[in-house]
Protein backbone atom coordinates (compact mmCIF):
# COMPACT_ATOMS: atom_id res chain seq x y z
CA MET A 1 0.19 29.31 123.77
CA ARG A 2 2.84 31.57 123.14
CA ASN A 3 0.56 33.50 120.63
CA THR A 4 -2.39 33.52 122.85
CA ILE A 5 -0.48 34.81 125.71
CA GLY A 6 1.22 37.35 123.78
CA LYS A 7 -2.05 38.66 122.63
CA LEU A 8 -3.54 38.69 126.13
CA CYS A 9 -0.58 40.71 127.34
CA VAL A 10 -0.84 43.49 124.45
CA ILE A 11 -5.18 43.65 125.20
CA LEU A 12 -4.18 44.43 128.79
CA ALA A 13 -1.75 46.79 127.43
CA THR A 14 -3.89 48.58 125.45
CA ILE A 15 -6.59 48.68 128.09
CA LEU A 16 -4.06 50.31 130.31
CA LEU A 17 -2.57 52.73 128.24
CA LEU A 18 -6.33 54.07 127.30
CA PHE A 19 -7.08 54.36 131.01
CA ALA A 20 -4.05 56.47 131.59
CA VAL A 21 -4.20 58.89 128.40
CA GLY A 22 -7.97 59.19 129.16
CA PHE A 23 -7.29 60.37 132.78
CA HIS A 24 -4.86 62.93 131.87
CA THR A 25 -7.05 64.29 128.76
CA ILE A 26 -10.05 64.62 131.68
CA ALA A 27 -7.55 66.43 133.75
CA LEU A 28 -6.58 69.08 131.05
CA VAL A 29 -10.03 69.61 130.00
CA LEU A 30 -11.10 70.23 133.66
CA LYS A 31 -8.02 72.84 133.79
CA ASP A 32 -9.80 74.84 131.19
CA ASN A 33 -10.90 77.70 133.03
CA ASP A 34 -11.79 79.34 130.16
CA ARG A 35 -14.12 76.61 128.76
CA ILE A 36 -15.67 76.43 132.04
CA GLU A 37 -16.61 80.14 132.38
CA ASP A 38 -18.23 79.98 128.83
CA LEU A 39 -20.22 77.16 129.86
CA TYR A 40 -21.49 79.31 132.99
CA GLN A 41 -22.65 81.91 130.80
CA LYS A 42 -24.00 79.63 128.20
CA GLU A 43 -26.10 77.67 130.82
CA ASN A 44 -27.36 80.92 132.54
CA VAL A 45 -26.13 79.82 136.00
CA SER A 46 -25.29 83.21 137.18
CA GLU A 47 -29.23 84.32 137.05
CA LEU A 48 -30.16 81.06 138.70
CA MET A 49 -27.50 81.12 141.80
CA GLY A 50 -27.04 84.82 142.12
CA MET A 51 -23.58 84.64 141.70
CA SER A 52 -21.30 86.39 139.11
CA VAL A 53 -19.80 84.44 136.32
CA PRO A 54 -16.35 85.00 137.74
CA ASP A 55 -16.93 83.77 140.95
CA LEU A 56 -18.70 80.98 139.44
CA ALA A 57 -15.46 80.14 137.63
CA ALA A 58 -13.09 80.66 140.69
CA ALA A 59 -15.36 78.70 142.92
CA THR A 60 -15.10 75.93 140.53
CA ASP A 61 -11.02 76.29 140.10
CA VAL A 62 -10.94 75.81 144.23
CA LEU A 63 -12.79 72.59 143.93
CA LEU A 64 -10.63 71.39 141.12
CA SER A 65 -7.72 72.55 143.08
CA TYR A 66 -8.35 70.80 146.07
CA MET A 67 -9.56 67.79 143.92
CA ARG A 68 -5.67 67.72 142.74
CA GLY A 69 -4.04 68.05 145.76
CA GLU A 70 -3.33 71.97 145.42
CA ARG A 71 -4.93 73.42 148.27
CA GLU A 72 -5.62 72.65 152.03
CA ASN A 73 -9.42 73.43 152.12
CA ILE A 74 -12.47 74.51 149.97
CA HIS A 75 -13.30 77.65 151.64
CA PHE A 76 -14.24 80.35 149.35
CA PRO A 77 -16.01 83.50 150.05
CA ALA A 78 -18.65 85.00 147.61
CA ARG A 79 -21.82 87.20 147.19
CA VAL A 80 -24.82 84.90 146.58
CA ASN A 81 -28.08 86.57 145.92
CA GLY A 82 -26.82 89.59 147.41
CA ALA A 83 -25.34 88.28 150.46
CA GLU A 84 -21.57 88.11 151.64
CA LEU A 85 -20.68 84.61 152.67
CA GLU A 86 -17.34 83.37 154.22
CA ASN A 87 -17.74 80.15 152.91
CA ILE A 88 -20.20 79.08 150.05
CA PHE A 89 -19.43 75.71 150.74
CA TYR A 90 -20.52 75.21 154.27
CA HIS A 91 -22.35 71.90 154.40
CA ASP A 92 -20.46 69.43 156.27
CA LYS A 93 -20.77 66.35 153.99
CA GLU A 94 -19.48 68.93 150.64
CA ALA A 95 -16.12 69.20 152.69
CA VAL A 96 -16.13 65.48 153.52
CA HIS A 97 -17.06 64.31 149.85
CA MET A 98 -14.49 66.72 148.50
CA ALA A 99 -11.99 64.83 150.83
CA GLU A 100 -13.00 61.56 149.30
CA VAL A 101 -12.81 62.81 146.11
CA GLN A 102 -9.29 64.15 146.44
CA SER A 103 -8.08 60.79 147.64
CA LEU A 104 -9.68 59.09 144.89
CA TRP A 105 -8.10 61.44 142.06
CA LEU A 106 -4.78 61.26 143.63
CA GLY A 107 -4.63 57.38 143.61
CA LEU A 108 -6.10 57.46 140.15
CA GLU A 109 -3.21 59.74 139.29
CA SER A 110 -0.37 57.48 140.85
CA PHE A 111 -2.04 54.58 139.10
CA SER A 112 -2.29 56.06 135.60
CA TRP A 113 1.61 56.61 135.58
CA TYR A 114 2.09 52.80 137.04
CA ALA A 115 -0.32 52.16 133.96
CA ILE A 116 1.85 53.53 131.61
CA VAL A 117 4.98 51.64 132.57
CA GLY A 118 3.06 48.54 132.98
CA ALA A 119 1.58 48.93 129.25
CA ALA A 120 5.03 49.76 127.95
CA VAL A 121 6.41 46.35 129.50
CA LEU A 122 2.98 44.37 128.82
CA PHE A 123 3.76 45.62 124.85
CA VAL A 124 7.25 44.27 124.41
CA ILE A 125 6.31 41.04 126.10
CA GLY A 126 3.41 40.70 123.85
CA PHE A 127 5.71 41.55 120.95
CA MET A 128 8.32 39.35 121.42
CA LEU A 129 6.47 36.24 122.70
CA PRO A 130 4.65 35.07 119.81
CA GLU A 131 6.46 33.42 116.86
CA ARG A 132 8.65 35.49 114.81
CA GLU A 133 6.51 34.99 111.60
CA LYS A 134 3.19 36.09 113.60
CA ARG A 135 4.59 38.77 115.76
CA ARG A 136 2.93 41.88 113.75
CA GLY A 137 -0.63 39.90 113.54
CA VAL A 138 -0.90 39.12 117.17
CA PHE A 139 0.27 42.50 118.26
CA GLY A 140 -2.22 44.01 116.08
CA SER A 141 -5.17 41.95 116.88
CA GLY A 142 -4.23 42.44 120.51
CA VAL A 143 -4.49 46.40 119.83
CA ILE A 144 -7.43 46.04 118.04
CA TRP A 145 -9.34 43.62 121.00
CA GLY A 146 -8.14 46.05 123.80
CA ALA A 147 -9.56 49.32 122.05
CA GLY A 148 -12.40 47.51 121.70
CA ILE A 149 -13.15 46.21 125.17
CA PHE A 150 -12.18 49.37 126.25
CA GLY A 151 -14.27 51.33 124.15
CA GLY A 152 -17.34 48.86 124.46
CA VAL A 153 -17.06 49.60 128.37
CA LEU A 154 -17.40 53.11 127.92
CA VAL A 155 -20.62 52.57 125.66
CA PHE A 156 -22.37 50.67 127.82
CA PHE A 157 -21.88 52.95 130.69
CA GLY A 158 -22.96 56.01 128.32
CA ALA A 159 -26.09 54.15 127.00
CA TRP A 160 -26.79 53.44 130.74
CA ALA A 161 -26.35 56.85 131.87
CA VAL A 162 -28.62 58.20 129.08
CA MET A 163 -31.45 55.98 129.30
CA ASN A 164 -31.49 56.00 133.69
CA PHE A 165 -29.09 58.60 135.04
CA GLN A 166 -30.17 58.34 138.75
CA SER A 167 -29.37 54.66 138.61
CA PHE A 168 -26.27 54.87 136.68
CA TRP A 169 -25.18 57.75 139.09
CA THR A 170 -25.87 55.46 142.40
CA VAL A 171 -24.04 52.55 141.08
CA PHE A 172 -21.20 54.38 139.80
CA HIS A 173 -20.55 56.18 143.30
CA PHE A 174 -20.83 52.63 144.84
CA ILE A 175 -18.09 51.48 142.58
CA ILE A 176 -15.36 54.20 143.08
CA PHE A 177 -16.56 54.30 146.63
CA PRO A 178 -16.72 51.18 147.98
CA GLY A 179 -17.02 52.04 151.76
CA SER A 180 -20.30 53.82 151.13
CA LEU A 181 -21.61 50.60 149.55
CA PHE A 182 -20.84 48.70 152.77
CA GLN A 183 -22.21 51.52 154.98
CA TYR A 184 -25.40 51.36 152.87
CA LEU A 185 -25.93 47.62 153.18
CA ALA A 186 -25.13 47.61 156.73
CA ALA A 187 -27.80 50.42 157.34
CA GLY A 188 -30.34 48.07 155.79
CA ALA A 189 -30.14 49.81 152.24
CA THR A 190 -33.04 51.80 152.83
CA PRO A 191 -33.79 55.33 151.39
CA GLU A 192 -32.89 56.92 154.80
CA ALA A 193 -29.60 55.13 154.66
CA LEU A 194 -28.73 56.17 151.04
CA ASN A 195 -29.43 59.78 152.19
CA GLU A 196 -26.61 59.34 154.97
CA LEU A 197 -23.98 58.61 152.47
CA ASN A 198 -21.35 61.50 152.08
CA TRP A 199 -21.89 61.79 148.23
CA VAL A 200 -25.49 62.42 148.69
CA LEU A 201 -25.70 65.90 149.28
CA SER A 202 -28.85 68.28 150.01
CA SER A 203 -30.73 70.12 147.19
CA ASP A 204 -29.63 73.44 148.85
CA SER A 205 -26.00 72.55 148.50
CA ILE A 206 -24.60 75.31 146.54
CA MET A 207 -21.68 72.84 145.00
CA VAL A 208 -24.60 70.77 143.41
CA ASN A 209 -26.45 73.66 141.99
CA MET A 210 -23.53 75.34 140.68
CA LEU A 211 -21.95 72.18 138.95
CA MET A 212 -25.17 70.22 137.71
CA PRO A 213 -25.97 72.77 135.16
CA ILE A 214 -22.30 72.21 133.39
CA PHE A 215 -21.81 68.98 134.35
CA PRO A 216 -23.09 67.29 131.04
CA ALA A 217 -21.38 69.69 128.76
CA LEU A 218 -18.10 68.65 130.66
CA VAL A 219 -18.66 65.35 130.30
CA LEU A 220 -19.69 65.25 126.69
CA ARG A 221 -16.40 67.27 126.08
CA CYS A 222 -14.33 64.68 128.07
CA ALA A 223 -16.01 61.58 125.95
CA ILE A 224 -15.37 63.33 122.83
CA PHE A 225 -11.43 63.35 123.32
CA VAL A 226 -11.65 59.74 124.83
CA VAL A 227 -13.61 58.36 122.06
CA ALA A 228 -11.09 59.87 119.65
CA GLU A 229 -8.34 58.47 121.20
CA ILE A 230 -9.89 55.07 121.24
CA VAL A 231 -10.55 55.22 117.38
CA PHE A 232 -7.20 56.68 116.83
CA VAL A 233 -5.52 53.53 118.89
CA LEU A 234 -8.18 51.24 117.09
CA LEU A 235 -7.36 52.68 113.52
CA ILE A 236 -2.83 52.00 114.67
CA GLY A 237 -4.15 48.26 115.79
CA ILE A 238 -5.85 47.60 112.10
CA LEU A 239 -2.76 49.07 110.61
CA ILE A 240 -0.36 46.94 112.36
CA ARG A 241 -2.63 43.87 111.72
CA PHE A 242 -2.69 44.48 108.06
CA VAL A 243 0.93 45.23 107.72
CA GLY A 244 1.65 42.12 109.52
CA HIS A 245 -0.67 39.99 107.00
CA LYS A 246 0.96 41.71 104.11
CA LYS A 247 4.69 41.44 105.37
CA VAL A 248 5.76 38.70 103.54
CA THR A 249 3.97 39.72 100.26
CA GLU A 250 6.16 43.18 100.40
CA ALA A 251 9.25 41.30 100.48
CA VAL A 252 8.75 39.56 97.20
CA ALA A 253 5.77 42.24 95.47
CA ASP A 254 8.28 43.20 92.87
CA ILE A 255 8.99 39.44 91.81
CA VAL A 256 8.07 38.48 88.18
CA THR A 257 6.02 35.13 87.38
CA VAL A 258 7.96 32.39 85.84
CA GLU A 259 6.87 30.40 83.27
CA ARG A 260 5.99 26.81 84.15
CA ASP A 261 5.76 23.52 82.42
CA GLU A 262 1.81 22.86 81.36
CA ASN A 263 2.02 19.75 83.25
CA GLU A 264 3.43 21.41 86.45
CA PRO A 265 0.68 22.01 89.03
CA VAL A 266 -0.03 25.60 89.09
CA ALA A 267 0.72 27.39 92.33
CA ILE A 268 -1.52 29.16 94.46
CA ASP A 269 -1.44 32.75 94.67
CA GLY A 270 0.46 34.05 97.46
CA PRO A 271 3.80 34.97 98.84
CA ASP A 272 7.02 33.11 98.04
CA LEU A 273 7.86 31.86 101.50
CA VAL A 274 10.85 30.20 100.10
CA LEU A 275 12.41 33.61 98.86
CA ALA A 276 11.06 35.55 102.02
CA HIS A 277 12.82 32.94 104.19
CA HIS A 278 16.29 33.18 102.37
CA LEU A 279 15.78 37.36 102.43
CA ARG A 280 14.95 37.57 106.02
CA ASN A 281 18.02 35.42 107.08
CA ALA A 282 20.44 36.28 104.14
CA PRO A 283 22.93 39.46 104.95
CA VAL A 284 21.55 42.78 103.83
CA SER A 285 24.53 43.07 101.24
CA LYS A 286 22.80 40.01 99.56
CA ARG A 287 19.32 40.71 99.45
CA GLU A 288 19.17 42.65 96.67
CA GLU A 289 21.32 40.07 94.58
CA LEU A 290 18.72 37.30 95.54
CA LYS A 291 15.96 39.57 94.17
CA ARG A 292 17.60 40.22 91.10
CA ARG A 293 17.88 36.38 90.63
CA ALA A 294 14.37 35.88 91.44
CA LYS A 295 13.21 38.20 88.74
CA LYS A 296 15.06 36.50 86.00
CA GLY A 297 14.01 32.90 87.35
CA LEU A 298 17.68 32.05 88.12
CA PRO A 299 18.69 29.83 91.34
CA LEU A 300 19.10 31.90 94.29
CA TYR A 301 22.37 30.49 94.76
CA ASP A 302 24.96 29.15 92.33
CA GLU A 303 25.58 25.38 92.43
CA PRO A 304 29.05 24.05 93.09
CA GLN A 305 30.76 22.91 90.15
CA LYS A 306 31.29 19.25 89.66
CA PRO A 307 34.99 18.51 88.74
CA GLU A 308 35.49 16.96 85.36
CA PRO A 309 36.36 13.35 85.15
CA ALA A 310 39.73 12.28 83.96
CA PRO A 311 39.81 11.25 80.14
CA GLU A 312 40.18 7.67 79.50
CA PRO A 313 43.22 6.26 78.04
CA VAL A 314 43.03 5.37 74.36
CA ILE A 315 44.84 2.22 72.90
CA GLU A 316 46.44 2.74 69.75
CA VAL A 317 46.42 -0.46 67.51
CA ARG A 318 49.73 -0.78 64.92
CA ASP A 319 48.77 -2.06 61.46
CA ASP A 320 52.18 -3.92 61.68
CA ALA A 321 51.14 -5.96 64.81
CA PRO A 322 50.46 -9.43 64.00
CA ALA A 323 46.68 -10.31 64.09
CA ALA A 324 45.70 -12.64 66.52
CA GLU A 325 44.80 -16.27 65.01
CA GLU A 326 41.50 -16.98 65.67
CA SER A 327 41.06 -20.34 67.18
CA VAL A 328 38.15 -22.36 66.09
CA PRO A 329 36.83 -24.43 68.96
CA GLN A 330 36.68 -28.25 68.13
CA PRO A 331 33.25 -29.68 68.69
CA THR A 332 32.99 -32.19 71.73
CA ASP A 333 31.34 -35.04 71.69
CA ALA A 334 28.58 -33.68 73.85
CA GLU A 335 28.28 -30.52 70.86
CA GLU A 336 26.65 -30.67 67.84
CA PRO A 337 28.43 -31.60 64.84
CA VAL A 338 29.54 -28.83 62.61
CA PRO A 339 27.26 -28.08 59.77
CA GLN A 340 29.12 -29.13 56.28
CA PRO A 341 29.49 -26.41 53.86
CA THR A 342 27.07 -26.26 50.95
CA ASP A 343 28.06 -26.20 47.12
CA THR A 344 27.70 -22.41 46.95
CA GLU A 345 30.44 -22.50 50.02
CA THR A 346 32.44 -25.45 48.28
CA THR A 347 32.64 -23.30 45.18
CA ALA A 348 33.67 -20.29 47.14
CA GLN A 349 36.52 -22.29 48.69
CA ASP A 350 37.80 -23.86 45.50
CA SER A 351 38.27 -20.62 44.41
CA VAL A 352 40.61 -19.50 46.59
CA PRO A 353 44.16 -20.38 45.35
CA ALA A 354 45.97 -23.09 47.09
CA PRO A 355 49.57 -22.71 47.96
CA ALA A 356 52.00 -23.25 45.50
CA GLU A 357 53.67 -26.80 45.54
CA GLU A 358 56.84 -28.11 43.94
CA THR A 359 56.04 -30.10 41.05
CA THR A 360 58.18 -32.66 38.90
CA PRO A 361 58.84 -32.00 35.34
CA GLN A 362 56.30 -34.86 34.46
CA SER A 363 53.50 -33.40 36.42
CA ALA A 364 54.20 -29.83 34.92
CA GLU A 365 53.68 -31.52 31.32
CA ALA A 366 50.68 -33.27 32.51
CA ASP A 367 49.24 -30.15 33.84
CA SER A 368 49.89 -28.11 30.61
CA SER A 369 48.21 -30.72 28.55
CA PRO A 370 44.72 -29.64 27.34
CA CYS A 371 43.46 -33.05 27.45
CA THR A 372 41.31 -34.09 30.23
CA GLY A 373 40.19 -37.40 31.41
CA GLU A 374 41.30 -40.38 33.48
CA PRO A 375 45.06 -41.11 33.28
């Protein structure tokens, strides 16, 4: 949810920024008097209007200056077809329509500055609101979508103007002058009601005949600059989106692959997210050390050393210590009788010398006698 709201903020901010930049770009194009004078010469408007090129350029500057609020009126004396006119813009509708244009232009200019401030605030919100690891991706996607939407709207109106300019021009004026739409509908939406609108000027209007030949070239020049700005912002969005997608990979790009056991599952190619997490949260002074350990395949942090166990006491057995007599357990009535020794065991027992016993002289003599037999 936070990512979606952040992306919407960035989209709206991009649209507002492109509108403000486009408006001021158009203002700069309309201030280029030299370019306007060249267009008059190129389109041969001087011969069609019966006015000199400097007078045409000066009259256009009067209209544009009034539109920007730099003049109080549109009065301009000039020679037209050899006749001196105190004011070439003598139709009442011309003055009323230019007053409406001035109000619209000044309102858009004020809105453009508010749009820049609002775009800056929305950009900050759109960057800080999403999750930390997804900020760059969300921000870049929002910029791409915003530039795409703004450019798509301009392409739609541009194609409409090329295919049916009269229809486009009427709807365009109804949008920017909504009061005229209500007036037109209230009058019955008839052709006569349309001709009564302030922005529908007569065919003999000098303003119309002077500006219409150079109008397509001015619009094309403005469109080229605005489209270039949209493409530039779109490329920035793509770059941010690409950097956001590869940010974690760049943090561990120089990490070598560590050999693994054959039985261990093969890791999927991609960034080491554990190392990236440690690099992001570790102090700056420790990050190089972490990268060095990762290259060598060492653990990122030293394990705490365990204390060595105390040596077991050694019991020394002395040779002179009396050997413990082994007690032979006597069989009880419930136990089985001890097996009797065999002949071999008896012979081995007889071979053990018996302890010396005191003998009498007679028994000694008997023992020394070689004769054997019964006494």
